[in-house]
């Protein structure tokens, strides 16, 4: 007897006697597993039971019990390709979004269809229920956000049903994330979306109705250059209350105040595997620590050096965690509160290619990941104390941030930062004086921008204003060196400027136009002095003198046009084929 795997994701048990049997039915074998035939993009974990649902491009929907490793239910949607899934908070409903814009609400116990909506022209990419289960939000590739409500039927008020409240296209680019706040009642529910247009939008659920549709409450620009890639409401991200955490493609995590939607802290996120595309707060289970300790005790009995490890992993009581998945291969955990300490995060290779989806079990003991085109689903056991031990052994406070500099705390970069900080302090007290200075070890916030630029990070004026606001929000009007070091590490670019990024900037200015044509020097000067954060002529001349030794682009180039390659080599001093 033997087992056969097919190209259609079937695993069949076959006996040797079946090949000589005259009956066609007797030669079919026994189906053991019917897997996902196609790329797996959608995962959803049941909010109370050890179950998860998965869907793939072939139209299959699976419901699994991951404790028993058993397939409970299967349904095939002919002619449809599933993309995204979401369970309702009570576990009664399963929402399924399809690539053709169809949205279906199914019974989570039988997978029978209850409602079908066709309100999108593109693939449904995001689904989320409100905490009380009364609202369902969806977003698709057509940039529209739709809101559905469970309430009295229009024709029969005694019966309740799901209905479309309205759609709103608030973003100029693709919607990259959609999230409801964690409030437990309908009155406190808030709906947030962010998109590639760098905008953060909040919708007015209080005024939402079938007659008035979905109303926009607030729209604010979150980024200048980076694009948001994921967001989630997280408790204890910064303090005891819930905050909105937004990840972007510059490897930063923005902690946004829940009331004003203003960034109150920026930290460096995990930098392996590309930008973060999925953020999931890990549910806190009081029994999780005890279970993890028991597991580690079993493992220590089987490995040498167990006595030395007995005190490891004693993390702070009640510490929270956020699970994440990157664009490529990596999934991991970050410990709360978020402060940018790299020792408080970990990542591992979860799949050979993309990580298309990530969910957590209701007790926080398991993470489930889907690999997209590799057609696989992986189940990971969570041991948070291992991360706590790494965070403790790797150092805390300013030492953890100093270790991220080239050469560490005793290296030349650290020494330069100290020198620049001391000079900034002297500069704030007045350079032209013979009187005795009384140094306090602190630099006023007005010097933050100059100090960062002296250290090699060149933030825009808006970015400097954001940094000052983050510090001033805590009631401080100055920073000490340790605080400045955290600001520098968290705000400096995680990836240096590349020739490709300069070429992309010239393309955005219309230099290429699809034909590789350079931009006229006069046009570049006009854009620099009139668009975005306009550069004054005197400031531009000062920059050119520092970079090229001349005060105008005409002197720097003997040509009427300028391309990205010439700008990178002549003005910025890049070598051909070498990135900063």
Protein backbone atom coordinates (compact mmCIF):
# COMPACT_ATOMS: atom_id res chain seq x y z
CA UNK A 1 0.00 0.00 0.00
CA UNK A 2 1.15 3.55 -0.64
CA UNK A 3 0.11 7.21 -0.55
CA UNK A 4 -0.20 9.50 -3.59
CA UNK A 5 -0.09 13.29 -3.70
CA UNK A 6 -1.69 15.03 -6.68
CA UNK A 7 -1.23 18.37 -8.41
CA UNK A 8 -4.71 19.29 -7.18
CA UNK A 9 -3.55 19.29 -3.52
CA UNK A 10 -5.08 15.87 -2.75
CA UNK A 11 -3.43 13.14 -0.64
CA UNK A 12 -4.91 9.74 -1.44
CA UNK A 13 -4.28 6.32 0.15
CA UNK A 14 -4.05 3.52 -2.41
CA UNK A 15 -3.87 -0.24 -1.89
CA UNK A 16 -2.08 -2.60 -4.26
CA UNK A 17 -5.22 -4.70 -4.66
CA UNK A 18 -7.23 -1.85 -6.14
CA UNK A 19 -5.38 -1.88 -9.46
CA UNK A 20 -6.76 -5.29 -10.41
CA UNK A 21 -10.30 -4.54 -9.35
CA UNK A 22 -12.84 -4.34 -12.22
CA UNK A 23 -14.95 -1.65 -10.56
CA UNK A 24 -14.04 1.98 -11.30
CA UNK A 25 -15.24 3.10 -7.88
CA UNK A 26 -13.00 0.59 -6.15
CA UNK A 27 -9.95 2.01 -7.94
CA UNK A 28 -10.39 5.57 -6.62
CA UNK A 29 -8.53 5.13 -3.35
CA UNK A 30 -9.27 6.85 -0.04
CA UNK A 31 -9.01 10.63 0.28
CA UNK A 32 -6.87 11.52 3.30
CA UNK A 33 -6.38 15.27 2.89
CA UNK A 34 -7.80 17.85 0.52
CA UNK A 35 -5.37 20.76 0.68
CA UNK A 36 -5.42 24.28 -0.72
CA UNK A 37 -5.13 24.25 -4.49
CA UNK A 38 -3.65 27.66 -5.18
CA UNK A 39 -2.10 30.57 -3.33
CA UNK A 40 -3.33 30.92 0.27
CA UNK A 41 -4.07 34.55 1.12
CA UNK A 42 -6.86 34.52 3.70
CA UNK A 43 -6.65 33.38 7.33
CA UNK A 44 -8.96 34.05 10.28
CA UNK A 45 -8.75 32.70 13.83
CA UNK A 46 -11.93 31.92 15.77
CA UNK A 47 -12.31 34.35 18.72
CA UNK A 48 -13.02 31.61 21.30
CA UNK A 49 -12.34 28.13 19.90
CA UNK A 50 -9.11 26.51 18.68
CA UNK A 51 -10.18 26.88 15.07
CA UNK A 52 -9.08 28.84 12.05
CA UNK A 53 -10.39 29.29 8.53
CA UNK A 54 -8.33 29.55 5.36
CA UNK A 55 -9.12 30.37 1.75
CA UNK A 56 -7.19 30.22 -1.49
CA UNK A 57 -7.30 31.33 -5.10
CA UNK A 58 -8.99 28.10 -6.20
CA UNK A 59 -12.18 28.99 -4.31
CA UNK A 60 -11.73 26.52 -1.43
CA UNK A 61 -12.66 27.48 2.12
CA UNK A 62 -11.36 25.28 4.94
CA UNK A 63 -12.27 25.28 8.62
CA UNK A 64 -9.63 23.61 10.81
CA UNK A 65 -9.30 22.54 14.43
CA UNK A 66 -5.63 23.25 15.10
CA UNK A 67 -5.54 21.44 18.47
CA UNK A 68 -6.67 18.18 16.92
CA UNK A 69 -5.00 18.98 13.55
CA UNK A 70 -8.28 18.08 11.86
CA UNK A 71 -10.23 19.52 8.94
CA UNK A 72 -13.75 20.21 10.16
CA UNK A 73 -15.52 21.66 7.13
CA UNK A 74 -14.78 22.42 3.51
CA UNK A 75 -16.65 24.46 0.94
CA UNK A 76 -15.94 25.20 -2.71
CA UNK A 77 -17.07 28.46 -4.33
CA UNK A 78 -17.33 27.82 -8.06
CA UNK A 79 -15.94 30.62 -10.18
CA UNK A 80 -14.80 32.65 -7.15
CA UNK A 81 -11.37 33.16 -5.61
CA UNK A 82 -11.27 33.90 -1.89
CA UNK A 83 -8.80 36.47 -0.63
CA UNK A 84 -9.60 37.68 2.91
CA UNK A 85 -11.47 36.27 5.93
CA UNK A 86 -12.76 37.61 9.27
CA UNK A 87 -14.71 36.03 12.15
CA UNK A 88 -17.29 38.08 14.04
CA UNK A 89 -16.40 38.72 17.72
CA UNK A 90 -18.96 36.16 18.94
CA UNK A 91 -17.70 33.57 16.47
CA UNK A 92 -21.10 33.12 14.82
CA UNK A 93 -20.24 34.63 11.42
CA UNK A 94 -17.40 34.26 8.94
CA UNK A 95 -16.98 37.05 6.39
CA UNK A 96 -15.29 36.14 3.10
CA UNK A 97 -13.98 38.67 0.59
CA UNK A 98 -13.36 37.58 -3.00
CA UNK A 99 -11.12 38.87 -5.76
CA UNK A 100 -14.09 39.95 -7.92
CA UNK A 101 -15.44 42.31 -5.23
CA UNK A 102 -18.04 39.95 -3.77
CA UNK A 103 -18.49 39.81 0.01
CA UNK A 104 -20.27 36.86 1.65
CA UNK A 105 -21.34 36.31 5.25
CA UNK A 106 -21.40 32.65 6.24
CA UNK A 107 -22.42 30.67 9.30
CA UNK A 108 -19.18 29.90 11.14
CA UNK A 109 -20.46 26.49 12.19
CA UNK A 110 -21.85 25.20 8.90
CA UNK A 111 -20.31 27.55 6.27
CA UNK A 112 -23.80 28.08 4.88
CA UNK A 113 -24.32 31.39 3.08
CA UNK A 114 -26.38 33.99 4.95
CA UNK A 115 -25.80 37.24 3.01
CA UNK A 116 -24.10 38.27 -0.23
CA UNK A 117 -23.01 41.81 -1.15
CA UNK A 118 -21.55 43.02 -4.43
CA UNK A 119 -20.47 46.58 -3.74
CA UNK A 120 -16.89 46.65 -5.04
CA UNK A 121 -15.25 46.73 -8.45
CA UNK A 122 -11.96 45.28 -7.26
CA UNK A 123 -10.57 42.62 -4.95
CA UNK A 124 -11.71 42.83 -1.31
CA UNK A 125 -8.40 43.21 0.54
CA UNK A 126 -9.44 44.13 4.10
CA UNK A 127 -12.24 43.02 6.46
CA UNK A 128 -12.85 43.80 10.12
CA UNK A 129 -15.73 43.62 12.61
CA UNK A 130 -16.28 46.09 15.42
CA UNK A 131 -15.75 44.79 18.95
CA UNK A 132 -19.51 44.49 19.59
CA UNK A 133 -20.13 42.80 16.21
CA UNK A 134 -22.64 45.43 15.08
CA UNK A 135 -20.44 46.84 12.29
CA UNK A 136 -18.47 45.27 9.47
CA UNK A 137 -16.02 47.29 7.39
CA UNK A 138 -14.45 46.27 4.10
CA UNK A 139 -11.95 47.85 1.71
CA UNK A 140 -11.06 46.85 -1.83
CA UNK A 141 -8.53 47.66 -4.52
CA UNK A 142 -10.90 50.27 -5.97
CA UNK A 143 -9.90 52.43 -2.94
CA UNK A 144 -13.43 52.37 -1.49
CA UNK A 145 -14.24 51.62 2.16
CA UNK A 146 -17.71 50.15 2.74
CA UNK A 147 -19.58 49.93 6.04
CA UNK A 148 -22.24 47.33 6.88
CA UNK A 149 -24.50 47.25 9.94
CA UNK A 150 -26.57 44.56 11.62
CA UNK A 151 -29.92 46.07 12.50
CA UNK A 152 -33.70 45.98 12.00
CA UNK A 153 -34.86 45.04 8.53
CA UNK A 154 -36.28 47.94 6.51
CA UNK A 155 -39.39 45.97 5.54
CA UNK A 156 -39.82 44.02 8.79
CA UNK A 157 -38.42 45.92 11.82
CA UNK A 158 -38.87 42.90 14.06
CA UNK A 159 -36.27 41.01 12.07
CA UNK A 160 -32.59 41.93 11.99
CA UNK A 161 -30.30 41.67 9.00
CA UNK A 162 -27.04 43.01 7.59
CA UNK A 163 -27.29 45.98 5.26
CA UNK A 164 -24.93 48.31 3.43
CA UNK A 165 -24.69 51.73 5.10
CA UNK A 166 -22.52 53.33 2.46
CA UNK A 167 -19.17 53.59 0.71
CA UNK A 168 -16.55 56.30 0.89
CA UNK A 169 -13.47 56.71 -1.30
CA UNK A 170 -11.34 58.84 1.04
CA UNK A 171 -7.94 57.74 -0.26
CA UNK A 172 -6.17 58.73 -3.46
CA UNK A 173 -4.09 55.54 -3.29
CA UNK A 174 -4.70 51.94 -2.35
CA UNK A 175 -6.07 51.27 1.14
CA UNK A 176 -3.33 49.42 3.05
CA UNK A 177 -5.02 48.88 6.43
CA UNK A 178 -8.43 49.02 8.08
CA UNK A 179 -9.09 48.75 11.83
CA UNK A 180 -11.85 49.20 14.39
CA UNK A 181 -10.99 50.46 17.87
CA UNK A 182 -11.13 48.06 20.78
CA UNK A 183 -14.16 49.65 22.50
CA UNK A 184 -16.76 47.14 23.63
CA UNK A 185 -19.89 49.14 22.82
CA UNK A 186 -21.22 50.66 19.62
CA UNK A 187 -21.02 54.22 20.96
CA UNK A 188 -17.22 54.05 21.44
CA UNK A 189 -16.41 52.20 18.20
CA UNK A 190 -14.07 54.04 15.82
CA UNK A 191 -13.07 53.06 12.28
CA UNK A 192 -9.67 54.01 10.88
CA UNK A 193 -8.10 53.44 7.46
CA UNK A 194 -4.69 54.31 6.05
CA UNK A 195 -3.47 54.21 2.48
CA UNK A 196 -0.60 54.58 0.07
CA UNK A 197 -1.51 58.26 -0.25
CA UNK A 198 0.03 58.64 3.27
CA UNK A 199 -3.32 59.71 4.71
CA UNK A 200 -4.99 58.49 7.90
CA UNK A 201 -8.80 58.65 7.79
CA UNK A 202 -11.37 58.29 10.54
CA UNK A 203 -15.02 57.67 9.64
CA UNK A 204 -17.98 59.08 11.57
CA UNK A 205 -19.97 56.06 12.72
CA UNK A 206 -22.33 58.27 14.75
CA UNK A 207 -23.65 59.95 11.58
CA UNK A 208 -23.53 56.85 9.38
CA UNK A 209 -26.94 55.84 8.05
CA UNK A 210 -28.51 54.35 4.95
CA UNK A 211 -29.81 57.79 4.00
CA UNK A 212 -26.57 59.74 4.63
CA UNK A 213 -24.11 56.96 3.83
CA UNK A 214 -20.65 56.63 5.35
CA UNK A 215 -19.32 60.01 6.49
CA UNK A 216 -15.70 61.06 6.88
CA UNK A 217 -14.88 62.52 10.31
CA UNK A 218 -11.19 63.36 10.04
CA UNK A 219 -8.45 63.10 7.43
CA UNK A 220 -4.85 63.78 8.36
CA UNK A 221 -1.49 63.33 6.62
CA UNK A 222 0.58 60.86 8.55
CA UNK A 223 3.72 60.70 6.39
CA UNK A 224 5.72 62.90 4.04
CA UNK A 225 7.77 60.34 2.16
CA UNK A 226 7.01 56.88 3.56
CA UNK A 227 3.75 55.03 2.91
CA UNK A 228 1.73 53.24 5.64
CA UNK A 229 1.63 49.47 5.22
CA UNK A 230 -0.32 48.20 8.26
CA UNK A 231 -2.07 49.43 11.40
CA UNK A 232 -3.64 48.00 14.55
CA UNK A 233 -5.16 49.25 17.80
CA UNK A 234 -2.81 48.17 20.58
CA UNK A 235 -3.19 48.45 24.36
CA UNK A 236 -0.05 49.39 26.32
CA UNK A 237 1.78 50.45 23.16
CA UNK A 238 2.85 53.65 24.93
CA UNK A 239 0.82 53.82 28.12
CA UNK A 240 -2.11 52.01 29.71
CA UNK A 241 -4.67 53.12 27.12
CA UNK A 242 -5.17 51.92 23.54
CA UNK A 243 -3.19 53.60 20.78
CA UNK A 244 -3.14 53.24 17.03
CA UNK A 245 0.14 51.74 15.81
CA UNK A 246 0.93 52.34 12.13
CA UNK A 247 3.80 50.66 10.28
CA UNK A 248 5.31 52.17 7.14
CA UNK A 249 7.64 51.10 4.35
CA UNK A 250 10.55 52.99 5.95
CA UNK A 251 10.64 50.38 8.78
CA UNK A 252 9.15 52.82 11.30
CA UNK A 253 6.27 52.32 13.73
CA UNK A 254 4.17 55.41 14.46
CA UNK A 255 2.24 55.45 17.73
CA UNK A 256 -0.76 57.69 17.09
CA UNK A 257 -2.78 59.28 19.88
CA UNK A 258 -6.28 57.81 19.91
CA UNK A 259 -8.04 61.15 20.43
CA UNK A 260 -6.19 63.56 18.12
CA UNK A 261 -4.68 61.08 15.61
CA UNK A 262 -1.37 62.92 16.01
CA UNK A 263 1.87 60.96 16.12
CA UNK A 264 3.09 60.89 19.71
CA UNK A 265 6.08 58.61 19.19
CA UNK A 266 8.10 57.19 16.30
CA UNK A 267 10.24 54.11 16.79
CA UNK A 268 12.40 51.89 14.65
CA UNK A 269 10.57 48.66 13.86
CA UNK A 270 11.99 45.28 12.83
CA UNK A 271 14.20 45.69 9.77
CA UNK A 272 14.43 42.14 8.45
CA UNK A 273 12.23 40.77 5.70
CA UNK A 274 11.04 44.06 4.26
CA UNK A 275 8.31 46.42 5.51
CA UNK A 276 5.73 45.13 7.98
CA UNK A 277 2.48 44.19 6.22
CA UNK A 278 0.63 42.58 9.14
CA UNK A 279 0.28 43.69 12.79
CA UNK A 280 -1.68 41.60 15.30
CA UNK A 281 -1.83 42.32 19.06
CA UNK A 282 -1.21 39.05 20.86
CA UNK A 283 -4.18 38.20 23.11
CA UNK A 284 -3.14 38.02 26.77
CA UNK A 285 -3.88 34.76 28.55
CA UNK A 286 -3.09 34.57 32.31
CA UNK A 287 -2.23 30.90 31.91
CA UNK A 288 0.22 31.56 29.08
CA UNK A 289 3.18 32.35 31.37
CA UNK A 290 2.65 29.18 33.41
CA UNK A 291 2.37 27.05 30.28
CA UNK A 292 5.51 28.60 28.82
CA UNK A 293 7.42 28.03 32.06
CA UNK A 294 6.35 24.38 32.07
CA UNK A 295 7.44 23.98 28.46
CA UNK A 296 10.84 25.52 29.18
CA UNK A 297 11.29 23.25 32.19
CA UNK A 298 10.74 20.23 29.95
CA UNK A 299 13.22 21.55 27.40
CA UNK A 300 15.86 22.33 30.06
CA UNK A 301 15.73 18.73 31.28
CA UNK A 302 16.99 17.61 27.85
CA UNK A 303 19.81 20.08 27.23
CA UNK A 304 23.16 20.79 28.88
CA UNK A 305 23.65 23.89 30.99
CA UNK A 306 20.12 23.81 32.38
CA UNK A 307 21.19 25.12 35.77
CA UNK A 308 22.52 28.35 34.23
CA UNK A 309 19.25 28.92 32.35
CA UNK A 310 16.94 28.54 35.34
CA UNK A 311 16.77 32.30 35.95
CA UNK A 312 16.29 33.29 32.32
CA UNK A 313 13.09 34.59 30.84
CA UNK A 314 11.73 36.45 33.83
CA UNK A 315 10.01 39.22 31.91
CA UNK A 316 7.91 42.03 33.39
CA UNK A 317 4.58 40.98 34.83
CA UNK A 318 1.73 41.43 32.38
CA UNK A 319 3.94 42.45 29.45
CA UNK A 320 2.06 42.63 26.15
CA UNK A 321 3.22 41.62 22.68
CA UNK A 322 2.45 42.38 19.06
CA UNK A 323 2.90 39.80 16.33
CA UNK A 324 4.03 40.97 12.90
CA UNK A 325 4.75 39.59 9.46
CA UNK A 326 6.98 41.22 6.87
CA UNK A 327 6.70 41.44 3.13
CA UNK A 328 9.19 38.63 2.64
CA UNK A 329 9.73 35.45 4.68
CA UNK A 330 9.83 36.81 8.23
CA UNK A 331 7.32 36.76 11.09
CA UNK A 332 7.98 37.60 14.73
CA UNK A 333 7.05 39.35 17.96
CA UNK A 334 7.65 42.77 19.51
CA UNK A 335 7.34 43.32 23.25
CA UNK A 336 5.35 46.25 24.61
CA UNK A 337 5.69 49.10 25.34
CA UNK A 338 7.15 50.13 22.01
CA UNK A 339 10.40 52.05 22.45
CA UNK A 340 12.59 50.97 19.52
CA UNK A 341 14.81 48.66 21.56
CA UNK A 342 15.90 45.94 19.08
CA UNK A 343 16.38 43.48 21.95
CA UNK A 344 12.63 43.60 22.57
CA UNK A 345 11.77 42.08 19.19
CA UNK A 346 12.52 38.86 17.35
CA UNK A 347 11.91 37.42 13.91
CA UNK A 348 12.28 34.08 12.17
CA UNK A 349 11.96 32.77 8.64
CA UNK A 350 8.35 31.60 8.48
CA UNK A 351 8.04 30.90 4.74
CA UNK A 352 10.38 30.67 1.75
CA UNK A 353 8.69 33.65 0.06
CA UNK A 354 5.89 36.04 0.96
CA UNK A 355 3.94 35.88 4.20
CA UNK A 356 0.43 36.57 2.94
CA UNK A 357 -1.46 36.43 6.25
CA UNK A 358 -0.93 36.25 10.00
CA UNK A 359 -3.42 35.57 12.83
CA UNK A 360 -3.17 34.67 16.53
CA UNK A 361 -5.14 32.10 18.48
CA UNK A 362 -7.66 33.47 21.03
CA UNK A 363 -5.42 32.50 23.97
CA UNK A 364 -2.27 33.95 22.42
CA UNK A 365 -0.42 30.62 22.50
CA UNK A 366 -0.28 30.07 18.76
CA UNK A 367 0.47 32.07 15.63
CA UNK A 368 -0.77 30.93 12.24
CA UNK A 369 0.86 32.12 9.01
CA UNK A 370 0.06 31.59 5.35
CA UNK A 371 2.71 31.57 2.64
CA UNK A 372 0.71 32.76 -0.35
CA UNK A 373 2.13 31.11 -3.44
CA UNK A 374 3.81 28.29 -1.49
CA UNK A 375 0.24 27.08 -0.67
CA UNK A 376 1.20 26.27 2.92
CA UNK A 377 -0.09 27.18 6.37
CA UNK A 378 2.24 27.05 9.38
CA UNK A 379 1.30 26.79 13.05
CA UNK A 380 3.76 28.33 15.52
CA UNK A 381 3.83 27.87 19.29
CA UNK A 382 4.53 31.12 21.18
CA UNK A 383 7.10 31.26 23.99
CA UNK A 384 7.17 34.89 25.09
CA UNK A 385 9.61 34.31 27.95
CA UNK A 386 12.32 33.56 25.40
CA UNK A 387 11.85 37.09 24.06
CA UNK A 388 11.86 38.51 27.61
CA UNK A 389 15.16 36.75 28.31
CA UNK A 390 16.70 38.14 25.11
CA UNK A 391 15.51 41.65 25.96
CA UNK A 392 17.00 41.44 29.45
CA UNK A 393 20.33 39.93 28.41
CA UNK A 394 20.71 42.35 25.48
CA UNK A 395 20.63 45.42 27.68
CA UNK A 396 18.08 48.09 28.42
CA UNK A 397 17.96 51.88 28.41
CA UNK A 398 20.48 53.91 26.43
CA UNK A 399 22.97 51.02 26.24
CA UNK A 400 20.62 49.09 23.95
CA UNK A 401 20.44 52.04 21.54
CA UNK A 402 24.17 52.76 21.68
CA UNK A 403 24.80 49.16 20.59
CA UNK A 404 23.09 49.97 17.27
CA UNK A 405 25.81 52.47 16.34
CA UNK A 406 28.87 51.36 14.37
CA UNK A 407 31.41 50.39 16.99
CA UNK A 408 28.90 50.53 19.85
CA UNK A 409 29.29 52.76 22.87
CA UNK A 410 33.07 52.93 22.57
CA UNK A 411 33.14 53.54 18.83
CA UNK A 412 33.90 56.70 16.88
CA UNK A 413 30.26 57.36 15.94
CA UNK A 414 29.22 57.44 19.60
CA UNK A 415 32.08 59.82 20.38
CA UNK A 416 31.01 62.12 17.53
CA UNK A 417 27.45 62.20 18.84
CA UNK A 418 28.73 63.17 22.28
CA UNK A 419 30.88 65.94 20.79
CA UNK A 420 28.04 67.33 18.69
CA UNK A 421 25.69 67.21 21.68
CA UNK A 422 28.17 69.16 23.82
CA UNK A 423 28.66 71.73 21.09
CA UNK A 424 24.90 72.13 20.68
CA UNK A 425 24.65 72.77 24.41
CA UNK A 426 27.38 75.42 24.21
CA UNK A 427 25.75 76.95 21.13
CA UNK A 428 22.43 77.25 22.98
CA UNK A 429 24.17 79.08 25.82
CA UNK A 430 25.87 81.49 23.42
CA UNK A 431 29.12 81.03 21.53
CA UNK A 432 30.52 84.56 21.76
CA UNK A 433 31.00 84.99 25.49
CA UNK A 434 33.82 84.91 27.99
CA UNK A 435 31.56 84.36 30.97
CA UNK A 436 31.54 81.06 32.82
CA UNK A 437 29.00 78.62 31.42
CA UNK A 438 26.95 76.31 33.62
CA UNK A 439 26.28 73.14 31.65
CA UNK A 440 23.17 71.17 32.53
CA UNK A 441 23.65 68.22 30.22
CA UNK A 442 20.52 69.15 28.29
CA UNK A 443 19.87 70.69 24.88
CA UNK A 444 16.75 72.80 24.14
CA UNK A 445 14.26 71.45 21.62
CA UNK A 446 15.07 74.30 19.24
CA UNK A 447 18.48 72.69 18.61
CA UNK A 448 17.13 69.21 17.77
CA UNK A 449 16.99 69.78 14.00
CA UNK A 450 20.51 71.22 13.74
CA UNK A 451 21.88 68.49 16.01
CA UNK A 452 20.35 65.68 13.95
CA UNK A 453 21.67 67.17 10.70
CA UNK A 454 25.15 67.55 12.18
CA UNK A 455 25.02 63.82 13.02
CA UNK A 456 24.20 62.87 9.41
CA UNK A 457 20.39 62.60 9.50
CA UNK A 458 18.65 65.29 7.45
CA UNK A 459 14.99 65.50 8.47
CA UNK A 460 12.58 67.88 6.77
CA UNK A 461 11.18 70.80 8.72
CA UNK A 462 7.93 68.95 9.23
CA UNK A 463 9.79 65.91 10.55
CA UNK A 464 11.68 68.18 12.98
CA UNK A 465 8.35 69.66 14.11
CA UNK A 466 7.01 66.14 14.66
CA UNK A 467 10.05 65.19 16.75
CA UNK A 468 9.72 68.35 18.85
CA UNK A 469 6.00 67.66 19.33
CA UNK A 470 6.74 64.08 20.46
CA UNK A 471 9.17 65.32 23.11
CA UNK A 472 7.10 68.33 24.16
CA UNK A 473 4.00 66.15 24.58
CA UNK A 474 5.69 64.67 27.65
CA UNK A 475 6.11 68.12 29.18
CA UNK A 476 9.83 68.53 28.40
CA UNK A 477 11.41 71.58 26.79
CA UNK A 478 14.88 70.01 26.45
CA UNK A 479 16.52 66.59 26.10
CA UNK A 480 19.49 64.90 27.73
CA UNK A 481 21.98 62.83 25.77
CA UNK A 482 20.29 59.49 26.39
CA UNK A 483 16.98 60.88 25.11
CA UNK A 484 18.69 62.38 22.08
CA UNK A 485 20.35 59.03 21.33
CA UNK A 486 16.92 57.35 21.30
CA UNK A 487 15.57 60.05 19.00
CA UNK A 488 18.52 59.67 16.62
CA UNK A 489 18.29 55.87 16.43
CA UNK A 490 14.50 55.80 16.05
CA UNK A 491 14.24 58.59 13.47
CA UNK A 492 17.29 58.14 11.26
CA UNK A 493 16.63 56.24 8.00
CA UNK A 494 16.84 52.49 8.39
CA UNK A 495 18.07 52.21 4.80
CA UNK A 496 20.48 54.67 3.20
CA UNK A 497 19.73 56.74 0.11
CA UNK A 498 20.22 54.68 -3.04
CA UNK A 499 20.77 55.55 -6.68
CA UNK A 500 17.39 53.95 -7.36
CA UNK A 501 15.64 56.27 -4.89
CA UNK A 502 17.27 59.33 -6.53
CA UNK A 503 16.14 58.08 -9.93
CA UNK A 504 12.61 57.58 -8.57
CA UNK A 505 12.64 61.17 -7.25
CA UNK A 506 13.64 62.48 -10.68
CA UNK A 507 10.89 60.37 -12.24
CA UNK A 508 8.38 61.96 -9.86
CA UNK A 509 9.55 65.36 -11.08
CA UNK A 510 8.82 64.31 -14.66
CA UNK A 511 12.41 63.75 -15.70
CA UNK A 512 11.90 60.41 -17.36
CA UNK A 513 8.45 60.60 -18.93
CA UNK A 514 9.05 57.01 -19.96
CA UNK A 515 11.88 57.91 -22.29
CA UNK A 516 14.90 58.51 -20.07
CA UNK A 517 15.00 62.27 -20.73
CA UNK A 518 16.70 64.46 -18.08
CA UNK A 519 15.02 67.40 -16.41
CA UNK A 520 15.97 70.98 -17.39
CA UNK A 521 18.15 72.67 -14.79
CA UNK A 522 15.83 75.67 -14.68
CA UNK A 523 12.85 73.40 -13.99
CA UNK A 524 14.69 71.63 -11.16
CA UNK A 525 15.51 75.00 -9.59
CA UNK A 526 11.89 76.10 -9.88
CA UNK A 527 10.61 72.94 -8.22
CA UNK A 528 13.14 73.12 -5.38
CA UNK A 529 12.18 76.73 -4.65
CA UNK A 530 8.41 76.44 -4.99
CA UNK A 531 7.19 72.90 -4.15
CA UNK A 532 6.94 71.06 -0.86
CA UNK A 533 9.24 72.62 1.72
CA UNK A 534 10.55 75.33 -0.59
CA UNK A 535 14.27 76.12 -0.35
CA UNK A 536 15.15 79.81 -0.27
CA UNK A 537 17.73 80.93 -2.86
CA UNK A 538 20.29 81.77 -0.17
CA UNK A 539 19.85 78.39 1.50
CA UNK A 540 20.15 76.60 -1.84
CA UNK A 541 23.35 78.50 -2.64
CA UNK A 542 24.76 77.58 0.77
CA UNK A 543 24.00 73.89 0.20
CA UNK A 544 25.62 73.93 -3.24
CA UNK A 545 28.74 75.64 -1.87
CA UNK A 546 29.06 72.94 0.78
CA UNK A 547 28.52 70.12 -1.72
CA UNK A 548 30.12 71.39 -4.94
CA UNK A 549 32.11 74.47 -4.01
CA UNK A 550 29.91 76.67 -6.23
CA UNK A 551 26.75 78.64 -5.50
CA UNK A 552 24.51 77.70 -8.45
CA UNK A 553 23.58 74.67 -10.52
CA UNK A 554 24.68 76.47 -13.67
CA UNK A 555 28.20 76.63 -12.29
CA UNK A 556 28.10 73.01 -11.21
CA UNK A 557 26.94 71.71 -14.61
CA UNK A 558 27.83 72.84 -18.06
CA UNK A 559 24.53 71.64 -19.46
CA UNK A 560 20.94 72.80 -19.70
CA UNK A 561 19.57 69.47 -18.47
CA UNK A 562 20.30 67.26 -15.49
CA UNK A 563 19.58 63.56 -14.95
CA UNK A 564 19.58 61.47 -11.78
CA UNK A 565 22.99 59.92 -12.43
CA UNK A 566 24.73 63.27 -12.90
CA UNK A 567 23.00 64.74 -9.84
CA UNK A 568 24.02 61.79 -7.66
CA UNK A 569 27.66 61.86 -8.79
CA UNK A 570 28.30 65.60 -9.05
CA UNK A 571 26.15 67.08 -6.29
CA UNK A 572 25.86 64.27 -3.75
CA UNK A 573 29.23 62.70 -4.45
CA UNK A 574 27.95 59.17 -5.02
CA UNK A 575 30.17 56.71 -6.86
CA UNK A 576 28.72 54.99 -9.91
CA UNK A 577 26.79 51.89 -8.81
CA UNK A 578 27.41 52.55 -5.08
CA UNK A 579 24.61 53.51 -2.69
CA UNK A 580 24.96 55.59 0.46
